[in-house]
Amino acid sequence: PQDAAGNTLQGGGILIDARGCVVSADPGHLVAAIGVSDLVIIQAGKAVLVARKEDEARVKEVVENLKKSGSEHL
C-alpha cells in the first residue's frame, strides 16, 4: 500500500518529505529518508541498495559485480 505521497514502506522506515519511494528493510532495521523522491531503497542483511526508480532494472548489474568479486553479500 502507498501513503498519500506515493511511498511504499515495508519493514522499519521513516520517510520525511519523501515522494514516490519504495523502501524495504529487514525486521529490526530502520531506513530513514528525508527530502528524496522516486528512489528504491532496500536493506537486506548487511547490504543496502539505493537506486532511482528509473534504474531499477540495473540491479542485476550489481548482482553480477558481486558474483564476480566473490562477495559474501549475495
PDB file of N, CA and C in Angstrom:
ATOM      1  N   PRO A   1       0.826  -1.214   0.000  1.00  0.00           N
ATOM      2  CA  PRO A   1       0.000   0.000   0.000  1.00  0.00           C
ATOM      3  C   PRO A   1       0.858   1.261   0.000  1.00  0.00           C
ATOM      4  N   GLN A   2       0.363   2.280  -0.636  1.00  0.00           N
ATOM      5  CA  GLN A   2       1.085   3.553  -0.729  1.00  0.00           C
ATOM      6  C   GLN A   2       0.477   4.571   0.220  1.00  0.00           C
ATOM      7  N   ASP A   3       1.335   5.464   0.717  1.00  0.00           N
ATOM      8  CA  ASP A   3       0.827   6.563   1.532  1.00  0.00           C
ATOM      9  C   ASP A   3       0.382   7.704   0.613  1.00  0.00           C
ATOM     10  N   ALA A   4      -0.005   8.811   1.206  1.00  0.00           N
ATOM     11  CA  ALA A   4      -0.536   9.939   0.432  1.00  0.00           C
ATOM     12  C   ALA A   4       0.486  10.523  -0.533  1.00  0.00           C
ATOM     13  N   ALA A   5       1.782  10.333  -0.263  1.00  0.00           N
ATOM     14  CA  ALA A   5       2.841  10.862  -1.125  1.00  0.00           C
ATOM     15  C   ALA A   5       3.323   9.827  -2.139  1.00  0.00           C
ATOM     16  N   GLY A   6       2.654   8.665  -2.208  1.00  0.00           N
ATOM     17  CA  GLY A   6       3.031   7.641  -3.176  1.00  0.00           C
ATOM     18  C   GLY A   6       4.187   6.766  -2.744  1.00  0.00           C
ATOM     19  N   ASN A   7       4.520   6.778  -1.449  1.00  0.00           N
ATOM     20  CA  ASN A   7       5.600   5.944  -0.920  1.00  0.00           C
ATOM     21  C   ASN A   7       5.060   4.578  -0.514  1.00  0.00           C
ATOM     22  N   THR A   8       5.877   3.546  -0.725  1.00  0.00           N
ATOM     23  CA  THR A   8       5.572   2.206  -0.248  1.00  0.00           C
ATOM     24  C   THR A   8       6.653   1.826   0.750  1.00  0.00           C
ATOM     25  N   LEU A   9       6.248   1.407   1.926  1.00  0.00           N
ATOM     26  CA  LEU A   9       7.189   1.112   3.008  1.00  0.00           C
ATOM     27  C   LEU A   9       6.934  -0.289   3.544  1.00  0.00           C
ATOM     28  N   GLN A  10       7.988  -1.122   3.533  1.00  0.00           N
ATOM     29  CA  GLN A  10       7.921  -2.459   4.115  1.00  0.00           C
ATOM     30  C   GLN A  10       8.998  -2.545   5.178  1.00  0.00           C
ATOM     31  N   GLY A  11       8.638  -2.931   6.370  1.00  0.00           N
ATOM     32  CA  GLY A  11       9.596  -3.008   7.458  1.00  0.00           C
ATOM     33  C   GLY A  11       9.747  -1.654   8.127  1.00  0.00           C
ATOM     34  N   GLY A  12      10.858  -1.481   8.823  1.00  0.00           N
ATOM     35  CA  GLY A  12      11.079  -0.259   9.581  1.00  0.00           C
ATOM     36  C   GLY A  12      11.547   0.887   8.713  1.00  0.00           C
ATOM     37  N   GLY A  13      10.822   1.977   8.776  1.00  0.00           N
ATOM     38  CA  GLY A  13      11.226   3.127   7.986  1.00  0.00           C
ATOM     39  C   GLY A  13      10.573   4.400   8.442  1.00  0.00           C
ATOM     40  N   ILE A  14      11.273   5.481   8.235  1.00  0.00           N
ATOM     41  CA  ILE A  14      10.755   6.814   8.485  1.00  0.00           C
ATOM     42  C   ILE A  14      11.004   7.620   7.219  1.00  0.00           C
ATOM     43  N   LEU A  15       9.943   8.133   6.640  1.00  0.00           N
ATOM     44  CA  LEU A  15      10.057   8.948   5.438  1.00  0.00           C
ATOM     45  C   LEU A  15       9.547  10.345   5.751  1.00  0.00           C
ATOM     46  N   ILE A  16      10.407  11.327   5.565  1.00  0.00           N
ATOM     47  CA  ILE A  16      10.056  12.719   5.811  1.00  0.00           C
ATOM     48  C   ILE A  16      10.255  13.488   4.512  1.00  0.00           C
ATOM     49  N   ASP A  17       9.203  14.132   4.057  1.00  0.00           N
ATOM     50  CA  ASP A  17       9.273  14.929   2.834  1.00  0.00           C
ATOM     51  C   ASP A  17       9.788  14.088   1.667  1.00  0.00           C
ATOM     52  N   ALA A  18       9.306  12.841   1.585  1.00  0.00           N
ATOM     53  CA  ALA A  18       9.709  11.919   0.520  1.00  0.00           C
ATOM     54  C   ALA A  18       8.500  11.647  -0.364  1.00  0.00           C
ATOM     55  N   ARG A  19       8.756  11.442  -1.674  1.00  0.00           N
ATOM     56  CA  ARG A  19       7.672  11.190  -2.609  1.00  0.00           C
ATOM     57  C   ARG A  19       8.040  10.053  -3.565  1.00  0.00           C
ATOM     58  N   GLY A  20       7.088   9.156  -3.790  1.00  0.00           N
ATOM     59  CA  GLY A  20       7.243   8.118  -4.797  1.00  0.00           C
ATOM     60  C   GLY A  20       8.355   7.124  -4.536  1.00  0.00           C
ATOM     61  N   CYS A  21       8.688   6.887  -3.275  1.00  0.00           N
ATOM     62  CA  CYS A  21       9.785   5.975  -2.941  1.00  0.00           C
ATOM     63  C   CYS A  21       9.261   4.597  -2.547  1.00  0.00           C
ATOM     64  N   VAL A  22      10.094   3.604  -2.780  1.00  0.00           N
ATOM     65  CA  VAL A  22       9.842   2.243  -2.317  1.00  0.00           C
ATOM     66  C   VAL A  22      10.962   1.921  -1.341  1.00  0.00           C
ATOM     67  N   VAL A  23      10.601   1.600  -0.097  1.00  0.00           N
ATOM     68  CA  VAL A  23      11.595   1.336   0.944  1.00  0.00           C
ATOM     69  C   VAL A  23      11.270  -0.003   1.599  1.00  0.00           C
ATOM     70  N   SER A  24      12.300  -0.838   1.724  1.00  0.00           N
ATOM     71  CA  SER A  24      12.132  -2.138   2.366  1.00  0.00           C
ATOM     72  C   SER A  24      13.313  -2.373   3.301  1.00  0.00           C
ATOM     73  N   ALA A  25      13.006  -2.829   4.520  1.00  0.00           N
ATOM     74  CA  ALA A  25      14.060  -3.114   5.495  1.00  0.00           C
ATOM     75  C   ALA A  25      13.735  -4.407   6.227  1.00  0.00           C
ATOM     76  N   ASP A  26      14.772  -5.151   6.564  1.00  0.00           N
ATOM     77  CA  ASP A  26      14.605  -6.366   7.348  1.00  0.00           C
ATOM     78  C   ASP A  26      14.047  -6.020   8.722  1.00  0.00           C
ATOM     79  N   PRO A  27      13.365  -6.964   9.361  1.00  0.00           N
ATOM     80  CA  PRO A  27      12.883  -6.739  10.728  1.00  0.00           C
ATOM     81  C   PRO A  27      14.047  -6.340  11.649  1.00  0.00           C
ATOM     82  N   GLY A  28      13.799  -5.352  12.473  1.00  0.00           N
ATOM     83  CA  GLY A  28      14.827  -4.896  13.405  1.00  0.00           C
ATOM     84  C   GLY A  28      15.771  -3.857  12.833  1.00  0.00           C
ATOM     85  N   HIS A  29      15.608  -3.499  11.563  1.00  0.00           N
ATOM     86  CA  HIS A  29      16.439  -2.483  10.925  1.00  0.00           C
ATOM     87  C   HIS A  29      15.574  -1.272  10.580  1.00  0.00           C
ATOM     88  N   LEU A  30      16.209  -0.137  10.476  1.00  0.00           N
ATOM     89  CA  LEU A  30      15.494   1.098  10.193  1.00  0.00           C
ATOM     90  C   LEU A  30      16.129   1.788   8.996  1.00  0.00           C
ATOM     91  N   VAL A  31      15.306   2.242   8.074  1.00  0.00           N
ATOM     92  CA  VAL A  31      15.746   3.077   6.962  1.00  0.00           C
ATOM     93  C   VAL A  31      15.044   4.412   7.113  1.00  0.00           C
ATOM     94  N   ALA A  32      15.799   5.494   7.099  1.00  0.00           N
ATOM     95  CA  ALA A  32      15.229   6.838   7.174  1.00  0.00           C
ATOM     96  C   ALA A  32      15.629   7.595   5.914  1.00  0.00           C
ATOM     97  N   ALA A  33      14.677   8.317   5.346  1.00  0.00           N
ATOM     98  CA  ALA A  33      14.946   9.105   4.143  1.00  0.00           C
ATOM     99  C   ALA A  33      14.265  10.458   4.296  1.00  0.00           C
ATOM    100  N   ILE A  34      14.999  11.502   3.944  1.00  0.00           N
ATOM    101  CA  ILE A  34      14.487  12.862   4.071  1.00  0.00           C
ATOM    102  C   ILE A  34      14.679  13.593   2.750  1.00  0.00           C
ATOM    103  N   GLY A  35      13.607  14.201   2.261  1.00  0.00           N
ATOM    104  CA  GLY A  35      13.693  15.069   1.091  1.00  0.00           C
ATOM    105  C   GLY A  35      14.104  14.392  -0.197  1.00  0.00           C
ATOM    106  N   VAL A  36      13.670  13.139  -0.384  1.00  0.00           N
ATOM    107  CA  VAL A  36      14.042  12.401  -1.593  1.00  0.00           C
ATOM    108  C   VAL A  36      12.784  12.043  -2.385  1.00  0.00           C
ATOM    109  N   SER A  37      12.974  11.699  -3.655  1.00  0.00           N
ATOM    110  CA  SER A  37      11.840  11.282  -4.470  1.00  0.00           C
ATOM    111  C   SER A  37      12.265  10.228  -5.480  1.00  0.00           C
ATOM    112  N   ASP A  38      11.315   9.364  -5.791  1.00  0.00           N
ATOM    113  CA  ASP A  38      11.466   8.334  -6.827  1.00  0.00           C
ATOM    114  C   ASP A  38      12.699   7.461  -6.629  1.00  0.00           C
ATOM    115  N   LEU A  39      12.912   7.010  -5.388  1.00  0.00           N
ATOM    116  CA  LEU A  39      14.023   6.113  -5.084  1.00  0.00           C
ATOM    117  C   LEU A  39      13.516   4.743  -4.667  1.00  0.00           C
ATOM    118  N   VAL A  40      14.363   3.735  -4.898  1.00  0.00           N
ATOM    119  CA  VAL A  40      14.171   2.406  -4.350  1.00  0.00           C
ATOM    120  C   VAL A  40      15.296   2.239  -3.331  1.00  0.00           C
ATOM    121  N   ILE A  41      14.917   1.966  -2.075  1.00  0.00           N
ATOM    122  CA  ILE A  41      15.903   1.782  -1.010  1.00  0.00           C
ATOM    123  C   ILE A  41      15.608   0.432  -0.371  1.00  0.00           C
ATOM    124  N   ILE A  42      16.555  -0.499  -0.500  1.00  0.00           N
ATOM    125  CA  ILE A  42      16.362  -1.851   0.007  1.00  0.00           C
ATOM    126  C   ILE A  42      17.502  -2.174   0.964  1.00  0.00           C
ATOM    127  N   GLN A  43      17.154  -2.511   2.187  1.00  0.00           N
ATOM    128  CA  GLN A  43      18.130  -3.001   3.166  1.00  0.00           C
ATOM    129  C   GLN A  43      17.834  -4.476   3.354  1.00  0.00           C
ATOM    130  N   ALA A  44      18.850  -5.320   3.126  1.00  0.00           N
ATOM    131  CA  ALA A  44      18.696  -6.762   3.300  1.00  0.00           C
ATOM    132  C   ALA A  44      19.998  -7.317   3.854  1.00  0.00           C
ATOM    133  N   GLY A  45      19.941  -7.884   5.038  1.00  0.00           N
ATOM    134  CA  GLY A  45      21.151  -8.406   5.662  1.00  0.00           C
ATOM    135  C   GLY A  45      22.161  -7.293   5.883  1.00  0.00           C
ATOM    136  N   LYS A  46      23.375  -7.481   5.364  1.00  0.00           N
ATOM    137  CA  LYS A  46      24.448  -6.499   5.520  1.00  0.00           C
ATOM    138  C   LYS A  46      24.496  -5.487   4.390  1.00  0.00           C
ATOM    139  N   ALA A  47      23.578  -5.592   3.450  1.00  0.00           N
ATOM    140  CA  ALA A  47      23.643  -4.765   2.242  1.00  0.00           C
ATOM    141  C   ALA A  47      22.509  -3.742   2.178  1.00  0.00           C
ATOM    142  N   VAL A  48      22.804  -2.615   1.550  1.00  0.00           N
ATOM    143  CA  VAL A  48      21.809  -1.578   1.291  1.00  0.00           C
ATOM    144  C   VAL A  48      21.930  -1.171  -0.173  1.00  0.00           C
ATOM    145  N   LEU A  49      20.798  -1.111  -0.848  1.00  0.00           N
ATOM    146  CA  LEU A  49      20.754  -0.663  -2.232  1.00  0.00           C
ATOM    147  C   LEU A  49      19.943   0.624  -2.280  1.00  0.00           C
ATOM    148  N   VAL A  50      20.492   1.643  -2.949  1.00  0.00           N
ATOM    149  CA  VAL A  50      19.767   2.886  -3.197  1.00  0.00           C
ATOM    150  C   VAL A  50      19.857   3.154  -4.690  1.00  0.00           C
ATOM    151  N   ALA A  51      18.710   3.268  -5.343  1.00  0.00           N
ATOM    152  CA  ALA A  51      18.683   3.500  -6.786  1.00  0.00           C
ATOM    153  C   ALA A  51      17.489   4.361  -7.152  1.00  0.00           C
ATOM    154  N   ARG A  52      17.637   5.091  -8.239  1.00  0.00           N
ATOM    155  CA  ARG A  52      16.479   5.793  -8.782  1.00  0.00           C
ATOM    156  C   ARG A  52      15.515   4.741  -9.321  1.00  0.00           C
ATOM    157  N   LYS A  53      14.246   4.988  -9.195  1.00  0.00           N
ATOM    158  CA  LYS A  53      13.259   4.032  -9.714  1.00  0.00           C
ATOM    159  C   LYS A  53      13.500   3.720 -11.179  1.00  0.00           C
ATOM    160  N   GLU A  54      13.898   4.720 -11.948  1.00  0.00           N
ATOM    161  CA  GLU A  54      14.113   4.509 -13.383  1.00  0.00           C
ATOM    162  C   GLU A  54      15.288   3.581 -13.665  1.00  0.00           C
ATOM    163  N   ASP A  55      16.163   3.354 -12.677  1.00  0.00           N
ATOM    164  CA  ASP A  55      17.314   2.461 -12.846  1.00  0.00           C
ATOM    165  C   ASP A  55      17.106   1.107 -12.182  1.00  0.00           C
ATOM    166  N   GLU A  56      15.894   0.836 -11.754  1.00  0.00           N
ATOM    167  CA  GLU A  56      15.602  -0.395 -11.031  1.00  0.00           C
ATOM    168  C   GLU A  56      16.030  -1.646 -11.793  1.00  0.00           C
ATOM    169  N   ALA A  57      15.900  -1.647 -13.099  1.00  0.00           N
ATOM    170  CA  ALA A  57      16.263  -2.811 -13.905  1.00  0.00           C
ATOM    171  C   ALA A  57      17.767  -3.090 -13.888  1.00  0.00           C
ATOM    172  N   ARG A  58      18.561  -2.122 -13.466  1.00  0.00           N
ATOM    173  CA  ARG A  58      20.013  -2.295 -13.452  1.00  0.00           C
ATOM    174  C   ARG A  58      20.519  -3.007 -12.198  1.00  0.00           C
ATOM    175  N   VAL A  59      19.616  -3.400 -11.324  1.00  0.00           N
ATOM    176  CA  VAL A  59      20.014  -4.107 -10.105  1.00  0.00           C
ATOM    177  C   VAL A  59      20.799  -5.367 -10.459  1.00  0.00           C
ATOM    178  N   LYS A  60      20.450  -6.001 -11.567  1.00  0.00           N
ATOM    179  CA  LYS A  60      21.170  -7.220 -11.964  1.00  0.00           C
ATOM    180  C   LYS A  60      22.651  -6.934 -12.200  1.00  0.00           C
ATOM    181  N   GLU A  61      23.007  -5.708 -12.589  1.00  0.00           N
ATOM    182  CA  GLU A  61      24.417  -5.349 -12.740  1.00  0.00           C
ATOM    183  C   GLU A  61      25.142  -5.408 -11.399  1.00  0.00           C
ATOM    184  N   VAL A  62      24.470  -4.972 -10.354  1.00  0.00           N
ATOM    185  CA  VAL A  62      25.063  -5.040  -9.013  1.00  0.00           C
ATOM    186  C   VAL A  62      25.289  -6.499  -8.634  1.00  0.00           C
ATOM    187  N   VAL A  63      24.282  -7.334  -8.870  1.00  0.00           N
ATOM    188  CA  VAL A  63      24.396  -8.752  -8.540  1.00  0.00           C
ATOM    189  C   VAL A  63      25.550  -9.390  -9.309  1.00  0.00           C
ATOM    190  N   GLU A  64      25.667  -9.082 -10.594  1.00  0.00           N
ATOM    191  CA  GLU A  64      26.755  -9.631 -11.403  1.00  0.00           C
ATOM    192  C   GLU A  64      28.118  -9.196 -10.861  1.00  0.00           C
ATOM    193  N   ASN A  65      28.245  -7.928 -10.484  1.00  0.00           N
ATOM    194  CA  ASN A  65      29.506  -7.440  -9.924  1.00  0.00           C
ATOM    195  C   ASN A  65      29.834  -8.136  -8.608  1.00  0.00           C
ATOM    196  N   LEU A  66      28.828  -8.359  -7.774  1.00  0.00           N
ATOM    197  CA  LEU A  66      29.049  -9.049  -6.507  1.00  0.00           C
ATOM    198  C   LEU A  66      29.502 -10.488  -6.745  1.00  0.00           C
ATOM    199  N   LYS A  67      28.893 -11.159  -7.728  1.00  0.00           N
ATOM    200  CA  LYS A  67      29.295 -12.532  -8.045  1.00  0.00           C
ATOM    201  C   LYS A  67      30.732 -12.585  -8.531  1.00  0.00           C
ATOM    202  N   LYS A  68      31.102 -11.645  -9.414  1.00  0.00           N
ATOM    203  CA  LYS A  68      32.467 -11.612  -9.949  1.00  0.00           C
ATOM    204  C   LYS A  68      33.501 -11.396  -8.857  1.00  0.00           C
ATOM    205  N   SER A  69      33.148 -10.564  -7.892  1.00  0.00           N
ATOM    206  CA  SER A  69      34.118 -10.247  -6.833  1.00  0.00           C
ATOM    207  C   SER A  69      34.115 -11.274  -5.715  1.00  0.00           C
ATOM    208  N   GLY A  70      33.179 -12.246  -5.779  1.00  0.00           N
ATOM    209  CA  GLY A  70      33.097 -13.263  -4.739  1.00  0.00           C
ATOM    210  C   GLY A  70      32.571 -12.716  -3.413  1.00  0.00           C
ATOM    211  N   SER A  71      31.793 -11.679  -3.490  1.00  0.00           N
ATOM    212  CA  SER A  71      31.282 -11.016  -2.294  1.00  0.00           C
ATOM    213  C   SER A  71      30.409 -11.947  -1.458  1.00  0.00           C
ATOM    214  N   GLU A  72      30.471 -11.757  -0.156  1.00  0.00           N
ATOM    215  CA  GLU A  72      29.647 -12.506   0.768  1.00  0.00           C
ATOM    216  C   GLU A  72      28.234 -11.919   0.880  1.00  0.00           C
ATOM    217  N   HIS A  73      27.971 -10.825   0.192  1.00  0.00           N
ATOM    218  CA  HIS A  73      26.702 -10.120   0.329  1.00  0.00           C
ATOM    219  C   HIS A  73      25.593 -10.633  -0.562  1.00  0.00           C
ATOM    220  N   LEU A  74      25.792 -11.767  -1.194  1.00  0.00           N
ATOM    221  CA  LEU A  74      24.721 -12.336  -2.029  1.00  0.00           C
ATOM    222  C   LEU A  74      23.876 -13.285  -1.213  1.00  0.00           C
TER     223      LEU A  74
END
